[in-house]
Amino acid sequence: MNEMTVLVVDDEAQIRKLLEITLESNEYKVILAETAKDGITRAATHSPDLIVLDIGLPDMNGLEVLTQLRSWYTRPILMLSVLSGEAEIVKALDLGANDYLIKPFRSGELLARIRSALRSSANAGENNQLLHFGDLDFDLAARTVKKSGESLKLTATEYTLLALMARNEGKVLTHRFLLNEVWGSAYLDQSQYLRVFVAQLRKKIEIDPNRPQYIITESGMGYRFVGSA
């Protein structure tokens, strides 16, 4: 069994019921909340492994809830929204959301995103130095990456960028986050740096750089490293 607890914070009864049925049928324990206040309380009292948080709550904007939660809650938070605008989604990711889904969503995609977030969280919690994704092997202590057993020749910047993505496998990393982490705050508006280095990495790790399987572009937002389905 998964034996993982998921807190669902959403004011729509139909969405709560759908998520409850979907998650419980996949052996997750589910806790439900329909307001921001109730959600924050249940997050504090039940310590869920993951939170599914709606942006449009009746008593508080979901982004405000996210900000409050991120002051102490370190596990994955997946945002739900009927809004598909890039600005709000990017803001949620920059505030610490691990992922987002636009309503209406497919149950299979929701479950895949949850598995990915929980897997990434487990890896981070274990402070893994060895990561394996498909034909890629990372040794974070030695700062090396192998593809099909062969060491890749990466520049220091390429390695830093790729390792950052791999450590956050499954999470959408915004342009600003990546630029700040790899190049520093003075480069937050230099998106061309990312495009160039992502293109170089794709040539080295992807079977077909034009149809990437590992480094996926999230249009207008950033990139997601996908290790497995």
Foldseek 3Di string as FASTA:
>chain_A
DPAFEEEEEAQDPVVLVVCCVLQVVVPYHYHYHDALVVSVVCCVVVVGQEYEFEQDGDPDGRLVSLLVCVVPRDHAYEYEYCDPDQVVQLSSVVSPHQYYDHPPDDSVVVVVLVVQRSVLRVCVVVVDQWDDFDQWIGRNVVLWIDGVNHTFDDDPLLSQLVVVQRSSASGFDFLQRSCCRRPRPVCSPVSVVVVVSLLVVLVGHAPDSVDRDAWADDPPTGTHGHRDD
